[in-house]
Amino acid sequence: MKVFIGHDPREDLAWQVCRHAILRHSPTLSVHPLRQEVLRELGLYTRAPDLAASTAFSLTRFLTPYLAAPDVAADDGWSLFADCDILFTVDLRRILDGLAPGKAVHVVQHDYAPRQAIKMDGQPQARYPRKNWSSLMLFNGAHPATRALTPAVVNRMTPAQLHRLEWAGGDAAIGALPPAWNFLVGEYEPPEATPWGIHFTNGGPWFSETRDVDYAHLWEAERRLWAGA
């Protein structure tokens, strides 16, 4: 499995800590940043700049299976996209356990209304169907719909079509991951057990305004490990 993490210059620290946590638990994984400027230089991302997008990787995330394909035999491997504001607390390879067969993509299928009008870094909180489904996506490279998710498609489809996973070809092609893989801090009440993926979707401890959110102590501990403190 090849892993791509969204990178935004405003949240470079979040990306560094996210990558560190993944490799600390899963040292053999291949983890790469999705940098919009690099994808533009390569000619893979040609959309006009979207000043309303909350992150630089709002749409580049859907290039993940295309970028991973050259490194998997016959394009039939798994690839994962994750937002940089997720802290993984277990071996990420466990996400491959118990998957439903024949799905184009697996996600945590959130069904919620955001509690806040403003999220990270003062960004407005958008409300739309299947919100946060695309913040963690496990792509099946063997599925025809995933193979068809080329740069041309990513650059042509509307943001709504991409984030609602309309490219997958229907609800039957979308598998469900356990909610613990994408726990939304501030939107759900903390469970008894530590989530496997702690998603600081409304802003994490690297922002002064959200320094004391739930699970901030775990992120700070990981940051200190990354910094060698």
Protein backbone atom coordinates (compact mmCIF):
# COMPACT_ATOMS: atom_id res chain seq x y z
CA MET A 1 0.00 0.00 0.00
CA LYS A 2 1.28 3.43 -0.97
CA VAL A 3 0.21 6.39 1.17
CA PHE A 4 -0.29 10.00 0.08
CA ILE A 5 -0.87 12.76 2.61
CA GLY A 6 -2.29 16.13 1.64
CA HIS A 7 0.20 18.97 2.07
CA ASP A 8 -0.68 22.61 2.62
CA PRO A 9 2.05 25.20 3.31
CA ARG A 10 -0.04 26.54 6.20
CA GLU A 11 0.03 23.13 7.86
CA ASP A 12 3.49 21.81 7.14
CA LEU A 13 3.92 20.89 10.80
CA ALA A 14 0.71 18.85 10.71
CA TRP A 15 2.04 16.97 7.65
CA GLN A 16 5.38 16.27 9.33
CA VAL A 17 3.74 14.89 12.47
CA CYS A 18 1.20 12.87 10.46
CA ARG A 19 3.99 11.24 8.45
CA HIS A 20 6.06 10.61 11.56
CA ALA A 21 3.19 8.84 13.31
CA ILE A 22 2.51 6.65 10.28
CA LEU A 23 6.12 5.57 9.91
CA ARG A 24 6.61 5.06 13.65
CA HIS A 25 3.80 2.50 13.63
CA SER A 26 4.38 1.23 10.06
CA PRO A 27 8.05 1.76 9.16
CA THR A 28 7.85 -0.13 5.86
CA LEU A 29 5.11 2.00 4.32
CA SER A 30 5.82 4.43 1.51
CA VAL A 31 4.50 7.87 2.51
CA HIS A 32 4.47 10.88 0.20
CA PRO A 33 3.14 14.45 0.31
CA LEU A 34 0.60 15.68 -2.22
CA ARG A 35 1.98 19.10 -3.13
CA GLN A 36 -0.18 21.05 -5.55
CA GLU A 37 2.73 23.08 -6.93
CA VAL A 38 4.60 19.91 -7.88
CA LEU A 39 1.54 18.35 -9.52
CA ARG A 40 1.08 21.52 -11.55
CA GLU A 41 4.71 21.45 -12.66
CA LEU A 42 4.21 17.86 -13.81
CA GLY A 43 1.10 18.82 -15.76
CA LEU A 44 -1.10 16.48 -13.75
CA TYR A 45 -3.19 19.19 -12.12
CA THR A 46 -4.36 21.96 -14.42
CA ARG A 47 -7.47 23.35 -12.77
CA ALA A 48 -7.69 27.08 -12.23
CA PRO A 49 -6.68 28.10 -8.69
CA ASP A 50 -9.62 27.87 -6.30
CA LEU A 51 -9.39 30.60 -3.70
CA ALA A 52 -12.43 29.18 -1.91
CA ALA A 53 -10.80 25.79 -1.30
CA SER A 54 -10.05 25.17 2.37
CA THR A 55 -6.78 23.36 1.59
CA ALA A 56 -4.28 23.14 -1.26
CA PHE A 57 -5.08 19.44 -1.62
CA SER A 58 -8.86 19.80 -1.78
CA LEU A 59 -9.00 18.15 -5.22
CA THR A 60 -5.47 16.85 -5.81
CA ARG A 61 -6.32 14.00 -3.40
CA PHE A 62 -8.20 12.28 -6.20
CA LEU A 63 -4.94 11.84 -8.12
CA THR A 64 -3.77 9.34 -5.47
CA PRO A 65 -4.53 6.09 -7.36
CA TYR A 66 -3.05 7.48 -10.56
CA LEU A 67 0.16 8.46 -8.77
CA ALA A 68 0.36 5.09 -7.02
CA ALA A 69 -0.32 2.96 -10.09
CA PRO A 70 3.25 2.84 -11.50
CA ASP A 71 4.44 1.25 -8.26
CA VAL A 72 1.89 -1.56 -8.05
CA ALA A 73 1.86 -4.63 -10.25
CA ALA A 74 -0.74 -4.31 -13.02
CA ASP A 75 -2.25 -1.34 -11.19
CA ASP A 76 -4.02 -3.74 -8.83
CA GLY A 77 -2.64 -2.54 -5.52
CA TRP A 78 -4.08 -0.40 -2.75
CA SER A 79 -3.34 3.26 -2.21
CA LEU A 80 -4.44 5.55 0.59
CA PHE A 81 -5.11 9.26 0.82
CA ALA A 82 -5.36 11.01 4.18
CA ASP A 83 -5.71 14.62 5.25
CA CYS A 84 -2.60 15.93 7.00
CA ASP A 85 -4.58 16.76 10.14
CA ILE A 86 -5.11 13.09 11.02
CA LEU A 87 -3.00 11.47 13.73
CA PHE A 88 -2.76 7.70 13.29
CA THR A 89 -2.27 5.76 16.51
CA VAL A 90 -1.90 2.21 15.16
CA ASP A 91 -0.25 0.36 12.28
CA LEU A 92 -1.92 1.83 9.20
CA ARG A 93 -1.62 -1.48 7.37
CA ARG A 94 -4.47 -2.75 9.54
CA ILE A 95 -6.82 -0.70 7.39
CA LEU A 96 -6.59 -3.48 4.81
CA ASP A 97 -8.19 -6.00 7.16
CA GLY A 98 -11.75 -7.16 6.50
CA LEU A 99 -12.43 -5.07 3.41
CA ALA A 100 -15.57 -5.68 1.38
CA PRO A 101 -14.59 -7.27 -1.96
CA GLY A 102 -15.08 -5.55 -5.28
CA LYS A 103 -15.29 -1.95 -4.04
CA ALA A 104 -13.63 0.93 -5.89
CA VAL A 105 -12.94 2.87 -2.70
CA HIS A 106 -13.41 2.46 1.05
CA VAL A 107 -14.17 5.41 3.34
CA VAL A 108 -15.62 6.13 6.76
CA GLN A 109 -19.19 7.00 5.82
CA HIS A 110 -19.89 9.92 8.14
CA ASP A 111 -23.48 11.05 8.64
CA TYR A 112 -23.41 14.27 10.66
CA ALA A 113 -24.08 17.99 10.60
CA PRO A 114 -21.03 20.10 11.58
CA ARG A 115 -21.34 21.63 15.03
CA GLN A 116 -19.30 24.70 14.15
CA ALA A 117 -19.61 27.38 11.48
CA ILE A 118 -15.84 28.01 11.41
CA LYS A 119 -13.09 25.39 11.22
CA MET A 120 -9.30 25.37 11.05
CA ASP A 121 -7.42 28.60 10.53
CA GLY A 122 -10.66 30.60 10.43
CA GLN A 123 -11.99 28.80 7.35
CA PRO A 124 -15.80 28.66 6.95
CA GLN A 125 -17.35 25.26 7.61
CA ALA A 126 -19.02 24.07 4.42
CA ARG A 127 -22.00 21.72 4.63
CA TYR A 128 -22.56 19.20 1.85
CA PRO A 129 -23.59 15.55 1.36
CA ARG A 130 -20.98 12.95 2.29
CA LYS A 131 -18.92 15.55 4.10
CA ASN A 132 -15.51 14.24 5.20
CA TRP A 133 -15.93 10.96 3.33
CA SER A 134 -13.01 12.00 1.10
CA SER A 135 -10.72 13.00 3.97
CA LEU A 136 -9.54 9.37 4.20
CA MET A 137 -9.86 7.19 1.09
CA LEU A 138 -8.55 3.70 0.48
CA PHE A 139 -8.44 3.16 -3.29
CA ASN A 140 -8.65 -0.25 -4.95
CA GLY A 141 -6.34 -0.09 -7.97
CA ALA A 142 -7.91 -3.21 -9.49
CA HIS A 143 -11.35 -1.63 -9.85
CA PRO A 144 -12.23 -0.19 -13.29
CA ALA A 145 -13.67 3.01 -11.78
CA THR A 146 -10.45 3.63 -9.88
CA ARG A 147 -8.31 2.99 -12.94
CA ALA A 148 -10.47 5.46 -14.83
CA LEU A 149 -9.77 8.21 -12.27
CA THR A 150 -7.13 9.83 -14.46
CA PRO A 151 -5.79 13.39 -14.30
CA ALA A 152 -8.13 14.29 -17.18
CA VAL A 153 -11.13 13.19 -15.09
CA VAL A 154 -9.88 14.89 -11.92
CA ASN A 155 -9.36 18.14 -13.83
CA ARG A 156 -12.77 17.93 -15.51
CA MET A 157 -15.24 16.80 -12.83
CA THR A 158 -16.81 19.32 -10.48
CA PRO A 159 -15.65 19.43 -6.85
CA ALA A 160 -19.05 18.11 -5.77
CA GLN A 161 -18.81 15.12 -8.11
CA LEU A 162 -15.33 14.29 -6.86
CA HIS A 163 -16.00 14.66 -3.14
CA ARG A 164 -19.31 12.79 -3.35
CA LEU A 165 -17.40 9.94 -5.02
CA GLU A 166 -19.65 9.97 -8.09
CA TRP A 167 -16.67 8.74 -10.12
CA ALA A 168 -16.91 5.39 -8.27
CA GLY A 169 -20.01 4.44 -10.22
CA GLY A 170 -22.68 4.24 -7.52
CA ASP A 171 -23.14 3.49 -3.85
CA ALA A 172 -22.50 -0.23 -4.35
CA ALA A 173 -18.87 0.57 -5.28
CA ILE A 174 -18.19 2.46 -2.04
CA GLY A 175 -17.06 0.32 0.90
CA ALA A 176 -17.34 1.32 4.56
CA LEU A 177 -14.36 1.55 6.90
CA PRO A 178 -14.77 1.33 10.69
CA PRO A 179 -15.43 4.81 12.15
CA ALA A 180 -12.31 4.53 14.34
CA TRP A 181 -10.16 5.18 11.26
CA ASN A 182 -11.48 8.73 10.85
CA PHE A 183 -12.72 10.04 14.18
CA LEU A 184 -13.79 13.68 13.81
CA VAL A 185 -12.57 15.65 16.82
CA GLY A 186 -15.18 18.14 17.99
CA GLU A 187 -17.95 16.49 16.01
CA TYR A 188 -18.23 13.20 17.91
CA GLU A 189 -18.00 12.46 21.59
CA PRO A 190 -14.67 10.76 22.44
CA PRO A 191 -15.07 6.96 22.66
CA GLU A 192 -13.67 4.82 25.46
CA ALA A 193 -10.88 3.48 23.26
CA THR A 194 -8.41 5.75 21.47
CA PRO A 195 -9.41 6.08 17.79
CA TRP A 196 -7.05 4.64 15.20
CA GLY A 197 -7.19 7.86 13.19
CA ILE A 198 -7.76 11.10 15.10
CA HIS A 199 -8.92 13.76 12.65
CA PHE A 200 -8.57 17.34 13.87
CA THR A 201 -11.02 18.49 11.23
CA ASN A 202 -11.92 21.76 12.98
CA GLY A 203 -8.30 22.69 13.74
CA GLY A 204 -5.52 20.95 15.59
CA PRO A 205 -3.02 21.82 18.34
CA TRP A 206 -0.71 23.49 15.80
CA PHE A 207 -3.19 26.42 15.69
CA SER A 208 -3.34 28.65 18.76
CA GLU A 209 -7.13 28.82 18.61
CA THR A 210 -7.50 25.04 18.89
CA ARG A 211 -4.54 24.19 21.08
CA ASP A 212 -6.67 22.44 23.72
CA VAL A 213 -8.92 20.23 21.58
CA ASP A 214 -9.60 16.60 22.50
CA TYR A 215 -6.54 14.37 21.99
CA ALA A 216 -4.22 17.38 21.77
CA HIS A 217 -1.90 15.68 24.25
CA LEU A 218 -1.43 12.72 21.89
CA TRP A 219 -0.59 14.99 18.97
CA GLU A 220 1.83 17.00 21.14
CA ALA A 221 3.53 13.80 22.26
CA GLU A 222 3.98 12.77 18.62
CA ARG A 223 5.29 16.21 17.74
CA ARG A 224 7.92 15.92 20.45
CA LEU A 225 8.99 12.52 19.13
CA TRP A 226 9.24 13.99 15.61
CA ALA A 227 11.30 16.92 16.90
CA GLY A 228 13.56 14.60 18.86
CA ALA A 229 12.67 16.27 22.15
